[in-house]
Amino acid sequence: MIRHRLSTAISILVLCSFASGCSSLRFPGVHRISIQQGNVITQTMIDKLKPGMSKSQVRFVLGNAVINDSLNQNRWDYIYSIQVAGGDRIINELHLHFIEERLSHFEGDFSPTPEAT
């Protein structure tokens, strides 16, 4: 009886170790999707931003901000990330600053093209 239980326990332990070893394998031919999160920001959208624009004009160009900070209504944060299938994660951030309900400046991973300024 004890020998049977010991044999069963060892068998289960061996099977679990084999199963956990397979978790890091990548099977060929398995489809992996790209995962996107946040607001997609393009260079065309950035080129439309001008200092002095109202919040509603900025919202029309970029959409609603991903993060709404209730303590600082004068800063909007747009964050976009993509996990390419089997590749690295890419994160782009855009931070807009307003003074008296008007766009004063923005910073982040984007900058306007020289022709747009």
PDB file of N, CA and C in Angstrom:
ATOM      1  N   MET A   1       0.821  -1.198   0.000  1.00  0.00           N
ATOM      2  CA  MET A   1       0.000   0.000   0.000  1.00  0.00           C
ATOM      3  C   MET A   1       0.872   1.272   0.000  1.00  0.00           C
ATOM      4  N   ILE A   2       1.847   1.298   0.895  1.00  0.00           N
ATOM      5  CA  ILE A   2       2.729   2.458   0.975  1.00  0.00           C
ATOM      6  C   ILE A   2       3.571   2.553  -0.296  1.00  0.00           C
ATOM      7  N   ARG A   3       3.984   1.412  -0.797  1.00  0.00           N
ATOM      8  CA  ARG A   3       4.784   1.394  -2.011  1.00  0.00           C
ATOM      9  C   ARG A   3       3.980   1.935  -3.198  1.00  0.00           C
ATOM     10  N   HIS A   4       2.687   1.602  -3.264  1.00  0.00           N
ATOM     11  CA  HIS A   4       1.811   2.084  -4.343  1.00  0.00           C
ATOM     12  C   HIS A   4       1.639   3.607  -4.268  1.00  0.00           C
ATOM     13  N   ARG A   5       1.427   4.133  -3.060  1.00  0.00           N
ATOM     14  CA  ARG A   5       1.265   5.585  -2.884  1.00  0.00           C
ATOM     15  C   ARG A   5       2.562   6.319  -3.236  1.00  0.00           C
ATOM     16  N   LEU A   6       3.670   5.758  -2.818  1.00  0.00           N
ATOM     17  CA  LEU A   6       4.956   6.367  -3.126  1.00  0.00           C
ATOM     18  C   LEU A   6       5.205   6.375  -4.630  1.00  0.00           C
ATOM     19  N   SER A   7       4.856   5.279  -5.285  1.00  0.00           N
ATOM     20  CA  SER A   7       5.003   5.187  -6.738  1.00  0.00           C
ATOM     21  C   SER A   7       4.105   6.199  -7.443  1.00  0.00           C
ATOM     22  N   THR A   8       2.879   6.355  -6.970  1.00  0.00           N
ATOM     23  CA  THR A   8       1.944   7.321  -7.553  1.00  0.00           C
ATOM     24  C   THR A   8       2.448   8.752  -7.345  1.00  0.00           C
ATOM     25  N   ALA A   9       2.936   9.050  -6.152  1.00  0.00           N
ATOM     26  CA  ALA A   9       3.434  10.395  -5.855  1.00  0.00           C
ATOM     27  C   ALA A   9       4.639  10.733  -6.726  1.00  0.00           C
ATOM     28  N   ILE A  10       5.531   9.791  -6.895  1.00  0.00           N
ATOM     29  CA  ILE A  10       6.705  10.028  -7.736  1.00  0.00           C
ATOM     30  C   ILE A  10       6.291  10.218  -9.190  1.00  0.00           C
ATOM     31  N   SER A  11       5.329   9.437  -9.655  1.00  0.00           N
ATOM     32  CA  SER A  11       4.842   9.578 -11.034  1.00  0.00           C
ATOM     33  C   SER A  11       4.234  10.953 -11.264  1.00  0.00           C
ATOM     34  N   ILE A  12       3.440  11.412 -10.322  1.00  0.00           N
ATOM     35  CA  ILE A  12       2.811  12.735 -10.441  1.00  0.00           C
ATOM     36  C   ILE A  12       3.882  13.825 -10.420  1.00  0.00           C
ATOM     37  N   LEU A  13       4.862  13.681  -9.560  1.00  0.00           N
ATOM     38  CA  LEU A  13       5.942  14.656  -9.478  1.00  0.00           C
ATOM     39  C   LEU A  13       6.734  14.725 -10.779  1.00  0.00           C
ATOM     40  N   VAL A  14       7.018  13.590 -11.378  1.00  0.00           N
ATOM     41  CA  VAL A  14       7.750  13.549 -12.642  1.00  0.00           C
ATOM     42  C   VAL A  14       6.924  14.173 -13.759  1.00  0.00           C
ATOM     43  N   LEU A  15       5.627  13.862 -13.822  1.00  0.00           N
ATOM     44  CA  LEU A  15       4.757  14.442 -14.852  1.00  0.00           C
ATOM     45  C   LEU A  15       4.659  15.959 -14.711  1.00  0.00           C
ATOM     46  N   CYS A  16       4.554  16.441 -13.474  1.00  0.00           N
ATOM     47  CA  CYS A  16       4.483  17.894 -13.256  1.00  0.00           C
ATOM     48  C   CYS A  16       5.778  18.581 -13.683  1.00  0.00           C
ATOM     49  N   SER A  17       6.908  17.961 -13.413  1.00  0.00           N
ATOM     50  CA  SER A  17       8.171  18.583 -13.816  1.00  0.00           C
ATOM     51  C   SER A  17       8.309  18.611 -15.336  1.00  0.00           C
ATOM     52  N   PHE A  18       7.842  17.561 -16.021  1.00  0.00           N
ATOM     53  CA  PHE A  18       7.860  17.575 -17.486  1.00  0.00           C
ATOM     54  C   PHE A  18       6.919  18.643 -18.037  1.00  0.00           C
ATOM     55  N   ALA A  19       5.745  18.772 -17.441  1.00  0.00           N
ATOM     56  CA  ALA A  19       4.769  19.759 -17.919  1.00  0.00           C
ATOM     57  C   ALA A  19       5.286  21.181 -17.715  1.00  0.00           C
ATOM     58  N   SER A  20       5.933  21.443 -16.586  1.00  0.00           N
ATOM     59  CA  SER A  20       6.451  22.794 -16.353  1.00  0.00           C
ATOM     60  C   SER A  20       7.628  23.098 -17.269  1.00  0.00           C
ATOM     61  N   GLY A  21       8.370  22.104 -17.666  1.00  0.00           N
ATOM     62  CA  GLY A  21       9.477  22.296 -18.597  1.00  0.00           C
ATOM     63  C   GLY A  21       9.011  22.661 -19.985  1.00  0.00           C
ATOM     64  N   CYS A  22       7.801  22.263 -20.342  1.00  0.00           N
ATOM     65  CA  CYS A  22       7.267  22.549 -21.678  1.00  0.00           C
ATOM     66  C   CYS A  22       6.693  23.954 -21.795  1.00  0.00           C
ATOM     67  N   SER A  23       6.541  24.658 -20.683  1.00  0.00           N
ATOM     68  CA  SER A  23       5.890  25.964 -20.739  1.00  0.00           C
ATOM     69  C   SER A  23       6.723  27.006 -21.469  1.00  0.00           C
ATOM     70  N   SER A  24       8.029  26.826 -21.534  1.00  0.00           N
ATOM     71  CA  SER A  24       8.869  27.815 -22.205  1.00  0.00           C
ATOM     72  C   SER A  24       9.094  27.506 -23.683  1.00  0.00           C
ATOM     73  N   LEU A  25       8.583  26.394 -24.159  1.00  0.00           N
ATOM     74  CA  LEU A  25       8.758  26.041 -25.567  1.00  0.00           C
ATOM     75  C   LEU A  25       7.830  26.859 -26.450  1.00  0.00           C
ATOM     76  N   ARG A  26       8.301  27.235 -27.602  1.00  0.00           N
ATOM     77  CA  ARG A  26       7.488  27.921 -28.604  1.00  0.00           C
ATOM     78  C   ARG A  26       7.209  26.922 -29.712  1.00  0.00           C
ATOM     79  N   PHE A  27       5.951  26.603 -29.899  1.00  0.00           N
ATOM     80  CA  PHE A  27       5.583  25.645 -30.924  1.00  0.00           C
ATOM     81  C   PHE A  27       5.568  26.328 -32.282  1.00  0.00           C
ATOM     82  N   PRO A  28       6.224  25.747 -33.272  1.00  0.00           N
ATOM     83  CA  PRO A  28       6.222  26.358 -34.606  1.00  0.00           C
ATOM     84  C   PRO A  28       4.830  26.303 -35.223  1.00  0.00           C
ATOM     85  N   GLY A  29       4.483  27.360 -35.906  1.00  0.00           N
ATOM     86  CA  GLY A  29       3.195  27.399 -36.586  1.00  0.00           C
ATOM     87  C   GLY A  29       2.049  27.901 -35.729  1.00  0.00           C
ATOM     88  N   VAL A  30       2.298  28.136 -34.426  1.00  0.00           N
ATOM     89  CA  VAL A  30       1.240  28.643 -33.559  1.00  0.00           C
ATOM     90  C   VAL A  30       1.127  30.145 -33.780  1.00  0.00           C
ATOM     91  N   HIS A  31      -0.078  30.621 -34.049  1.00  0.00           N
ATOM     92  CA  HIS A  31      -0.305  32.038 -34.328  1.00  0.00           C
ATOM     93  C   HIS A  31      -0.261  32.839 -33.033  1.00  0.00           C
ATOM     94  N   ARG A  32       0.523  33.872 -33.013  1.00  0.00           N
ATOM     95  CA  ARG A  32       0.580  34.783 -31.871  1.00  0.00           C
ATOM     96  C   ARG A  32       0.136  36.157 -32.357  1.00  0.00           C
ATOM     97  N   ILE A  33      -0.719  36.788 -31.571  1.00  0.00           N
ATOM     98  CA  ILE A  33      -1.258  38.080 -31.974  1.00  0.00           C
ATOM     99  C   ILE A  33      -0.449  39.216 -31.347  1.00  0.00           C
ATOM    100  N   SER A  34      -0.509  40.363 -31.978  1.00  0.00           N
ATOM    101  CA  SER A  34       0.070  41.578 -31.419  1.00  0.00           C
ATOM    102  C   SER A  34      -0.973  42.209 -30.506  1.00  0.00           C
ATOM    103  N   ILE A  35      -0.550  42.672 -29.350  1.00  0.00           N
ATOM    104  CA  ILE A  35      -1.467  43.254 -28.375  1.00  0.00           C
ATOM    105  C   ILE A  35      -1.207  44.752 -28.307  1.00  0.00           C
ATOM    106  N   GLN A  36      -2.243  45.543 -28.623  1.00  0.00           N
ATOM    107  CA  GLN A  36      -2.148  47.000 -28.591  1.00  0.00           C
ATOM    108  C   GLN A  36      -2.996  47.531 -27.445  1.00  0.00           C
ATOM    109  N   GLN A  37      -2.499  48.545 -26.754  1.00  0.00           N
ATOM    110  CA  GLN A  37      -3.247  49.182 -25.684  1.00  0.00           C
ATOM    111  C   GLN A  37      -3.030  50.687 -25.751  1.00  0.00           C
ATOM    112  N   GLY A  38      -4.060  51.426 -25.427  1.00  0.00           N
ATOM    113  CA  GLY A  38      -3.954  52.876 -25.362  1.00  0.00           C
ATOM    114  C   GLY A  38      -4.381  53.559 -26.643  1.00  0.00           C
ATOM    115  N   ASN A  39      -4.018  54.831 -26.749  1.00  0.00           N
ATOM    116  CA  ASN A  39      -4.357  55.650 -27.901  1.00  0.00           C
ATOM    117  C   ASN A  39      -3.279  55.528 -28.969  1.00  0.00           C
ATOM    118  N   VAL A  40      -3.693  55.244 -30.190  1.00  0.00           N
ATOM    119  CA  VAL A  40      -2.755  55.239 -31.309  1.00  0.00           C
ATOM    120  C   VAL A  40      -2.496  56.691 -31.690  1.00  0.00           C
ATOM    121  N   ILE A  41      -1.247  57.108 -31.617  1.00  0.00           N
ATOM    122  CA  ILE A  41      -0.858  58.476 -31.953  1.00  0.00           C
ATOM    123  C   ILE A  41       0.029  58.410 -33.192  1.00  0.00           C
ATOM    124  N   THR A  42      -0.318  59.190 -34.204  1.00  0.00           N
ATOM    125  CA  THR A  42       0.475  59.221 -35.432  1.00  0.00           C
ATOM    126  C   THR A  42       1.183  60.574 -35.551  1.00  0.00           C
ATOM    127  N   GLN A  43       2.162  60.632 -36.425  1.00  0.00           N
ATOM    128  CA  GLN A  43       2.885  61.884 -36.646  1.00  0.00           C
ATOM    129  C   GLN A  43       1.963  62.942 -37.237  1.00  0.00           C
ATOM    130  N   THR A  44       1.001  62.532 -38.043  1.00  0.00           N
ATOM    131  CA  THR A  44       0.029  63.476 -38.609  1.00  0.00           C
ATOM    132  C   THR A  44      -0.770  64.153 -37.506  1.00  0.00           C
ATOM    133  N   MET A  45      -1.146  63.388 -36.491  1.00  0.00           N
ATOM    134  CA  MET A  45      -1.891  63.959 -35.363  1.00  0.00           C
ATOM    135  C   MET A  45      -1.023  64.952 -34.593  1.00  0.00           C
ATOM    136  N   ILE A  46       0.232  64.609 -34.389  1.00  0.00           N
ATOM    137  CA  ILE A  46       1.148  65.494 -33.662  1.00  0.00           C
ATOM    138  C   ILE A  46       1.337  66.801 -34.420  1.00  0.00           C
ATOM    139  N   ASP A  47       1.434  66.715 -35.744  1.00  0.00           N
ATOM    140  CA  ASP A  47       1.637  67.913 -36.560  1.00  0.00           C
ATOM    141  C   ASP A  47       0.438  68.855 -36.516  1.00  0.00           C
ATOM    142  N   LYS A  48      -0.734  68.352 -36.151  1.00  0.00           N
ATOM    143  CA  LYS A  48      -1.926  69.202 -36.051  1.00  0.00           C
ATOM    144  C   LYS A  48      -1.981  69.969 -34.734  1.00  0.00           C
ATOM    145  N   LEU A  49      -1.188  69.563 -33.749  1.00  0.00           N
ATOM    146  CA  LEU A  49      -1.199  70.245 -32.455  1.00  0.00           C
ATOM    147  C   LEU A  49      -0.461  71.572 -32.544  1.00  0.00           C
ATOM    148  N   LYS A  50      -1.095  72.612 -32.061  1.00  0.00           N
ATOM    149  CA  LYS A  50      -0.509  73.957 -32.051  1.00  0.00           C
ATOM    150  C   LYS A  50      -0.711  74.572 -30.668  1.00  0.00           C
ATOM    151  N   PRO A  51       0.275  75.302 -30.165  1.00  0.00           N
ATOM    152  CA  PRO A  51       0.082  76.003 -28.893  1.00  0.00           C
ATOM    153  C   PRO A  51      -1.105  76.953 -28.988  1.00  0.00           C
ATOM    154  N   GLY A  52      -1.880  77.007 -27.921  1.00  0.00           N
ATOM    155  CA  GLY A  52      -3.053  77.868 -27.897  1.00  0.00           C
ATOM    156  C   GLY A  52      -4.347  77.150 -28.243  1.00  0.00           C
ATOM    157  N   MET A  53      -4.271  75.897 -28.665  1.00  0.00           N
ATOM    158  CA  MET A  53      -5.494  75.148 -28.973  1.00  0.00           C
ATOM    159  C   MET A  53      -6.276  74.897 -27.686  1.00  0.00           C
ATOM    160  N   SER A  54      -7.599  74.898 -27.795  1.00  0.00           N
ATOM    161  CA  SER A  54      -8.432  74.613 -26.631  1.00  0.00           C
ATOM    162  C   SER A  54      -8.413  73.111 -26.347  1.00  0.00           C
ATOM    163  N   LYS A  55      -8.875  72.744 -25.158  1.00  0.00           N
ATOM    164  CA  LYS A  55      -8.917  71.328 -24.790  1.00  0.00           C
ATOM    165  C   LYS A  55      -9.836  70.543 -25.718  1.00  0.00           C
ATOM    166  N   SER A  56     -10.933  71.145 -26.136  1.00  0.00           N
ATOM    167  CA  SER A  56     -11.851  70.431 -27.037  1.00  0.00           C
ATOM    168  C   SER A  56     -11.224  70.220 -28.414  1.00  0.00           C
ATOM    169  N   GLN A  57     -10.433  71.178 -28.878  1.00  0.00           N
ATOM    170  CA  GLN A  57      -9.742  71.002 -30.162  1.00  0.00           C
ATOM    171  C   GLN A  57      -8.699  69.884 -30.073  1.00  0.00           C
ATOM    172  N   VAL A  58      -7.970  69.837 -28.969  1.00  0.00           N
ATOM    173  CA  VAL A  58      -6.974  68.779 -28.774  1.00  0.00           C
ATOM    174  C   VAL A  58      -7.667  67.425 -28.690  1.00  0.00           C
ATOM    175  N   ARG A  59      -8.788  67.373 -27.972  1.00  0.00           N
ATOM    176  CA  ARG A  59      -9.544  66.125 -27.856  1.00  0.00           C
ATOM    177  C   ARG A  59     -10.052  65.670 -29.220  1.00  0.00           C
ATOM    178  N   PHE A  60     -10.427  66.605 -30.085  1.00  0.00           N
ATOM    179  CA  PHE A  60     -10.885  66.261 -31.433  1.00  0.00           C
ATOM    180  C   PHE A  60      -9.749  65.638 -32.246  1.00  0.00           C
ATOM    181  N   VAL A  61      -8.531  66.159 -32.085  1.00  0.00           N
ATOM    182  CA  VAL A  61      -7.382  65.659 -32.849  1.00  0.00           C
ATOM    183  C   VAL A  61      -6.891  64.316 -32.307  1.00  0.00           C
ATOM    184  N   LEU A  62      -6.760  64.196 -30.987  1.00  0.00           N
ATOM    185  CA  LEU A  62      -6.124  63.021 -30.390  1.00  0.00           C
ATOM    186  C   LEU A  62      -7.083  62.010 -29.767  1.00  0.00           C
ATOM    187  N   GLY A  63      -8.301  62.430 -29.484  1.00  0.00           N
ATOM    188  CA  GLY A  63      -9.208  61.552 -28.743  1.00  0.00           C
ATOM    189  C   GLY A  63      -9.053  61.798 -27.251  1.00  0.00           C
ATOM    190  N   ASN A  64      -9.784  61.038 -26.451  1.00  0.00           N
ATOM    191  CA  ASN A  64      -9.717  61.199 -25.001  1.00  0.00           C
ATOM    192  C   ASN A  64      -8.400  60.657 -24.460  1.00  0.00           C
ATOM    193  N   ALA A  65      -7.888  61.320 -23.447  1.00  0.00           N
ATOM    194  CA  ALA A  65      -6.635  60.887 -22.823  1.00  0.00           C
ATOM    195  C   ALA A  65      -6.844  59.566 -22.095  1.00  0.00           C
ATOM    196  N   VAL A  66      -5.809  58.746 -22.083  1.00  0.00           N
ATOM    197  CA  VAL A  66      -5.887  57.455 -21.399  1.00  0.00           C
ATOM    198  C   VAL A  66      -5.947  57.655 -19.893  1.00  0.00           C
ATOM    199  N   ILE A  67      -5.136  58.573 -19.393  1.00  0.00           N
ATOM    200  CA  ILE A  67      -5.065  58.808 -17.954  1.00  0.00           C
ATOM    201  C   ILE A  67      -5.613  60.195 -17.656  1.00  0.00           C
ATOM    202  N   ASN A  68      -6.669  60.231 -16.846  1.00  0.00           N
ATOM    203  CA  ASN A  68      -7.233  61.499 -16.401  1.00  0.00           C
ATOM    204  C   ASN A  68      -6.860  61.692 -14.942  1.00  0.00           C
ATOM    205  N   ASP A  69      -5.969  62.619 -14.681  1.00  0.00           N
ATOM    206  CA  ASP A  69      -5.521  62.898 -13.326  1.00  0.00           C
ATOM    207  C   ASP A  69      -6.462  63.916 -12.708  1.00  0.00           C
ATOM    208  N   SER A  70      -7.226  63.489 -11.718  1.00  0.00           N
ATOM    209  CA  SER A  70      -8.191  64.398 -11.102  1.00  0.00           C
ATOM    210  C   SER A  70      -7.502  65.482 -10.273  1.00  0.00           C
ATOM    211  N   LEU A  71      -6.247  65.276  -9.898  1.00  0.00           N
ATOM    212  CA  LEU A  71      -5.527  66.284  -9.126  1.00  0.00           C
ATOM    213  C   LEU A  71      -4.847  67.322 -10.007  1.00  0.00           C
ATOM    214  N   ASN A  72      -4.616  66.991 -11.268  1.00  0.00           N
ATOM    215  CA  ASN A  72      -3.981  67.931 -12.189  1.00  0.00           C
ATOM    216  C   ASN A  72      -4.747  67.911 -13.512  1.00  0.00           C
ATOM    217  N   GLN A  73      -5.746  68.763 -13.628  1.00  0.00           N
ATOM    218  CA  GLN A  73      -6.579  68.826 -14.822  1.00  0.00           C
ATOM    219  C   GLN A  73      -5.851  69.454 -16.006  1.00  0.00           C
ATOM    220  N   ASN A  74      -4.685  70.045 -15.758  1.00  0.00           N
ATOM    221  CA  ASN A  74      -3.952  70.739 -16.817  1.00  0.00           C
ATOM    222  C   ASN A  74      -2.871  69.879 -17.462  1.00  0.00           C
ATOM    223  N   ARG A  75      -2.894  68.593 -17.207  1.00  0.00           N
ATOM    224  CA  ARG A  75      -1.955  67.669 -17.854  1.00  0.00           C
ATOM    225  C   ARG A  75      -2.737  66.454 -18.336  1.00  0.00           C
ATOM    226  N   TRP A  76      -2.576  66.151 -19.613  1.00  0.00           N
ATOM    227  CA  TRP A  76      -3.193  64.963 -20.207  1.00  0.00           C
ATOM    228  C   TRP A  76      -2.087  64.020 -20.639  1.00  0.00           C
ATOM    229  N   ASP A  77      -2.277  62.749 -20.367  1.00  0.00           N
ATOM    230  CA  ASP A  77      -1.284  61.737 -20.720  1.00  0.00           C
ATOM    231  C   ASP A  77      -1.881  60.753 -21.715  1.00  0.00           C
ATOM    232  N   TYR A  78      -1.202  60.598 -22.830  1.00  0.00           N
ATOM    233  CA  TYR A  78      -1.575  59.623 -23.856  1.00  0.00           C
ATOM    234  C   TYR A  78      -0.462  58.577 -23.897  1.00  0.00           C
ATOM    235  N   ILE A  79      -0.827  57.331 -23.674  1.00  0.00           N
ATOM    236  CA  ILE A  79       0.153  56.249 -23.658  1.00  0.00           C
ATOM    237  C   ILE A  79      -0.311  55.163 -24.610  1.00  0.00           C
ATOM    238  N   TYR A  80       0.597  54.716 -25.451  1.00  0.00           N
ATOM    239  CA  TYR A  80       0.311  53.640 -26.406  1.00  0.00           C
ATOM    240  C   TYR A  80       1.388  52.583 -26.269  1.00  0.00           C
ATOM    241  N   SER A  81       0.968  51.332 -26.148  1.00  0.00           N
ATOM    242  CA  SER A  81       1.947  50.248 -26.112  1.00  0.00           C
ATOM    243  C   SER A  81       1.502  49.136 -27.046  1.00  0.00           C
ATOM    244  N   ILE A  82       2.475  48.465 -27.614  1.00  0.00           N
ATOM    245  CA  ILE A  82       2.201  47.320 -28.477  1.00  0.00           C
ATOM    246  C   ILE A  82       3.212  46.230 -28.149  1.00  0.00           C
ATOM    247  N   GLN A  83       2.688  45.047 -27.940  1.00  0.00           N
ATOM    248  CA  GLN A  83       3.511  43.850 -27.748  1.00  0.00           C
ATOM    249  C   GLN A  83       3.429  43.077 -29.047  1.00  0.00           C
ATOM    250  N   VAL A  84       4.468  43.212 -29.870  1.00  0.00           N
ATOM    251  CA  VAL A  84       4.497  42.533 -31.160  1.00  0.00           C
ATOM    252  C   VAL A  84       4.674  41.043 -30.906  1.00  0.00           C
ATOM    253  N   ALA A  85       3.941  40.238 -31.657  1.00  0.00           N
ATOM    254  CA  ALA A  85       3.969  38.789 -31.466  1.00  0.00           C
ATOM    255  C   ALA A  85       5.396  38.260 -31.497  1.00  0.00           C
ATOM    256  N   GLY A  86       5.823  37.699 -30.385  1.00  0.00           N
ATOM    257  CA  GLY A  86       7.157  37.129 -30.308  1.00  0.00           C
ATOM    258  C   GLY A  86       8.277  38.146 -30.208  1.00  0.00           C
ATOM    259  N   GLY A  87       7.936  39.427 -30.066  1.00  0.00           N
ATOM    260  CA  GLY A  87       8.966  40.467 -30.032  1.00  0.00           C
ATOM    261  C   GLY A  87       8.920  41.278 -28.760  1.00  0.00           C
ATOM    262  N   ASP A  88       9.560  42.432 -28.812  1.00  0.00           N
ATOM    263  CA  ASP A  88       9.631  43.313 -27.659  1.00  0.00           C
ATOM    264  C   ASP A  88       8.392  44.185 -27.557  1.00  0.00           C
ATOM    265  N   ARG A  89       8.190  44.744 -26.376  1.00  0.00           N
ATOM    266  CA  ARG A  89       7.096  45.678 -26.152  1.00  0.00           C
ATOM    267  C   ARG A  89       7.595  47.085 -26.456  1.00  0.00           C
ATOM    268  N   ILE A  90       6.791  47.841 -27.197  1.00  0.00           N
ATOM    269  CA  ILE A  90       7.121  49.216 -27.564  1.00  0.00           C
ATOM    270  C   ILE A  90       6.117  50.126 -26.867  1.00  0.00           C
ATOM    271  N   ILE A  91       6.611  51.133 -26.166  1.00  0.00           N
ATOM    272  CA  ILE A  91       5.740  52.065 -25.449  1.00  0.00           C
ATOM    273  C   ILE A  91       6.038  53.477 -25.930  1.00  0.00           C
ATOM    274  N   ASN A  92       4.987  54.209 -26.328  1.00  0.00           N
ATOM    275  CA  ASN A  92       5.101  55.615 -26.715  1.00  0.00           C
ATOM    276  C   ASN A  92       4.244  56.444 -25.770  1.00  0.00           C
ATOM    277  N   GLU A  93       4.799  57.545 -25.307  1.00  0.00           N
ATOM    278  CA  GLU A  93       4.081  58.420 -24.385  1.00  0.00           C
ATOM    279  C   GLU A  93       4.025  59.832 -24.945  1.00  0.00           C
ATOM    280  N   LEU A  94       2.925  60.511 -24.638  1.00  0.00           N
ATOM    281  CA  LEU A  94       2.750  61.912 -25.003  1.00  0.00           C
ATOM    282  C   LEU A  94       2.089  62.608 -23.822  1.00  0.00           C
ATOM    283  N   HIS A  95       2.698  63.678 -23.341  1.00  0.00           N
ATOM    284  CA  HIS A  95       2.185  64.428 -22.200  1.00  0.00           C
ATOM    285  C   HIS A  95       1.887  65.849 -22.664  1.00  0.00           C
ATOM    286  N   LEU A  96       0.631  66.260 -22.524  1.00  0.00           N
ATOM    287  CA  LEU A  96       0.215  67.600 -22.930  1.00  0.00           C
ATOM    288  C   LEU A  96      -0.016  68.454 -21.694  1.00  0.00           C
ATOM    289  N   HIS A  97       0.413  69.707 -21.762  1.00  0.00           N
ATOM    290  CA  HIS A  97       0.264  70.634 -20.645  1.00  0.00           C
ATOM    291  C   HIS A  97      -0.578  71.824 -21.100  1.00  0.00           C
ATOM    292  N   PHE A  98      -1.520  72.199 -20.243  1.00  0.00           N
ATOM    293  CA  PHE A  98      -2.432  73.300 -20.541  1.00  0.00           C
ATOM    294  C   PHE A  98      -2.257  74.404 -19.511  1.00  0.00           C
ATOM    295  N   ILE A  99      -2.388  75.635 -19.974  1.00  0.00           N
ATOM    296  CA  ILE A  99      -2.443  76.796 -19.096  1.00  0.00           C
ATOM    297  C   ILE A  99      -3.689  77.565 -19.478  1.00  0.00           C
ATOM    298  N   GLU A 100      -4.562  77.778 -18.490  1.00  0.00           N
ATOM    299  CA  GLU A 100      -5.838  78.477 -18.690  1.00  0.00           C
ATOM    300  C   GLU A 100      -6.627  77.859 -19.843  1.00  0.00           C
ATOM    301  N   GLU A 101      -6.771  76.531 -19.806  1.00  0.00           N
ATOM    302  CA  GLU A 101      -7.580  75.765 -20.768  1.00  0.00           C
ATOM    303  C   GLU A 101      -7.024  75.774 -22.195  1.00  0.00           C
ATOM    304  N   ARG A 102      -5.789  76.224 -22.386  1.00  0.00           N
ATOM    305  CA  ARG A 102      -5.157  76.259 -23.710  1.00  0.00           C
ATOM    306  C   ARG A 102      -3.875  75.431 -23.679  1.00  0.00           C
ATOM    307  N   LEU A 103      -3.581  74.765 -24.791  1.00  0.00           N
ATOM    308  CA  LEU A 103      -2.375  73.949 -24.893  1.00  0.00           C
ATOM    309  C   LEU A 103      -1.145  74.849 -24.842  1.00  0.00           C
ATOM    310  N   SER A 104      -0.283  74.612 -23.866  1.00  0.00           N
ATOM    311  CA  SER A 104       0.944  75.412 -23.776  1.00  0.00           C
ATOM    312  C   SER A 104       2.114  74.678 -24.440  1.00  0.00           C
ATOM    313  N   HIS A 105       2.271  73.399 -24.150  1.00  0.00           N
ATOM    314  CA  HIS A 105       3.341  72.613 -24.768  1.00  0.00           C
ATOM    315  C   HIS A 105       3.064  71.132 -24.557  1.00  0.00           C
ATOM    316  N   PHE A 106       3.821  70.311 -25.272  1.00  0.00           N
ATOM    317  CA  PHE A 106       3.732  68.866 -25.061  1.00  0.00           C
ATOM    318  C   PHE A 106       5.119  68.267 -25.106  1.00  0.00           C
ATOM    319  N   GLU A 107       5.237  67.093 -24.502  1.00  0.00           N
ATOM    320  CA  GLU A 107       6.520  66.404 -24.430  1.00  0.00           C
ATOM    321  C   GLU A 107       6.282  64.907 -24.499  1.00  0.00           C
ATOM    322  N   GLY A 108       7.326  64.185 -24.785  1.00  0.00           N
ATOM    323  CA  GLY A 108       7.215  62.735 -24.850  1.00  0.00           C
ATOM    324  C   GLY A 108       8.019  62.173 -26.003  1.00  0.00           C
ATOM    325  N   ASP A 109       7.536  61.082 -26.552  1.00  0.00           N
ATOM    326  CA  ASP A 109       8.251  60.367 -27.609  1.00  0.00           C
ATOM    327  C   ASP A 109       7.985  60.920 -29.002  1.00  0.00           C
ATOM    328  N   PHE A 110       7.216  61.971 -29.113  1.00  0.00           N
ATOM    329  CA  PHE A 110       6.876  62.559 -30.406  1.00  0.00           C
ATOM    330  C   PHE A 110       7.334  64.004 -30.445  1.00  0.00           C
ATOM    331  N   SER A 111       7.617  64.486 -31.644  1.00  0.00           N
ATOM    332  CA  SER A 111       7.905  65.904 -31.841  1.00  0.00           C
ATOM    333  C   SER A 111       7.362  66.295 -33.207  1.00  0.00           C
ATOM    334  N   PRO A 112       6.951  67.550 -33.367  1.00  0.00           N
ATOM    335  CA  PRO A 112       6.407  67.961 -34.664  1.00  0.00           C
ATOM    336  C   PRO A 112       7.486  67.955 -35.742  1.00  0.00           C
ATOM    337  N   THR A 113       7.072  67.695 -36.961  1.00  0.00           N
ATOM    338  CA  THR A 113       8.020  67.754 -38.074  1.00  0.00           C
ATOM    339  C   THR A 113       8.351  69.219 -38.349  1.00  0.00           C
ATOM    340  N   PRO A 114       9.532  69.518 -38.878  1.00  0.00           N
ATOM    341  CA  PRO A 114       9.928  70.917 -39.106  1.00  0.00           C
ATOM    342  C   PRO A 114       8.956  71.682 -40.002  1.00  0.00           C
ATOM    343  N   GLU A 115       8.339  71.026 -40.991  1.00  0.00           N
ATOM    344  CA  GLU A 115       7.402  71.723 -41.881  1.00  0.00           C
ATOM    345  C   GLU A 115       6.130  72.129 -41.153  1.00  0.00           C
ATOM    346  N   ALA A 116       5.755  71.377 -40.098  1.00  0.00           N
ATOM    347  CA  ALA A 116       4.494  71.635 -39.412  1.00  0.00           C
ATOM    348  C   ALA A 116       4.594  72.788 -38.432  1.00  0.00           C
ATOM    349  N   THR A 117       5.793  73.156 -38.006  1.00  0.00           N
ATOM    350  CA  THR A 117       5.928  74.215 -37.004  1.00  0.00           C
ATOM    351  C   THR A 117       5.913  75.583 -37.601  1.00  0.00           C
TER     352      THR A 117
END
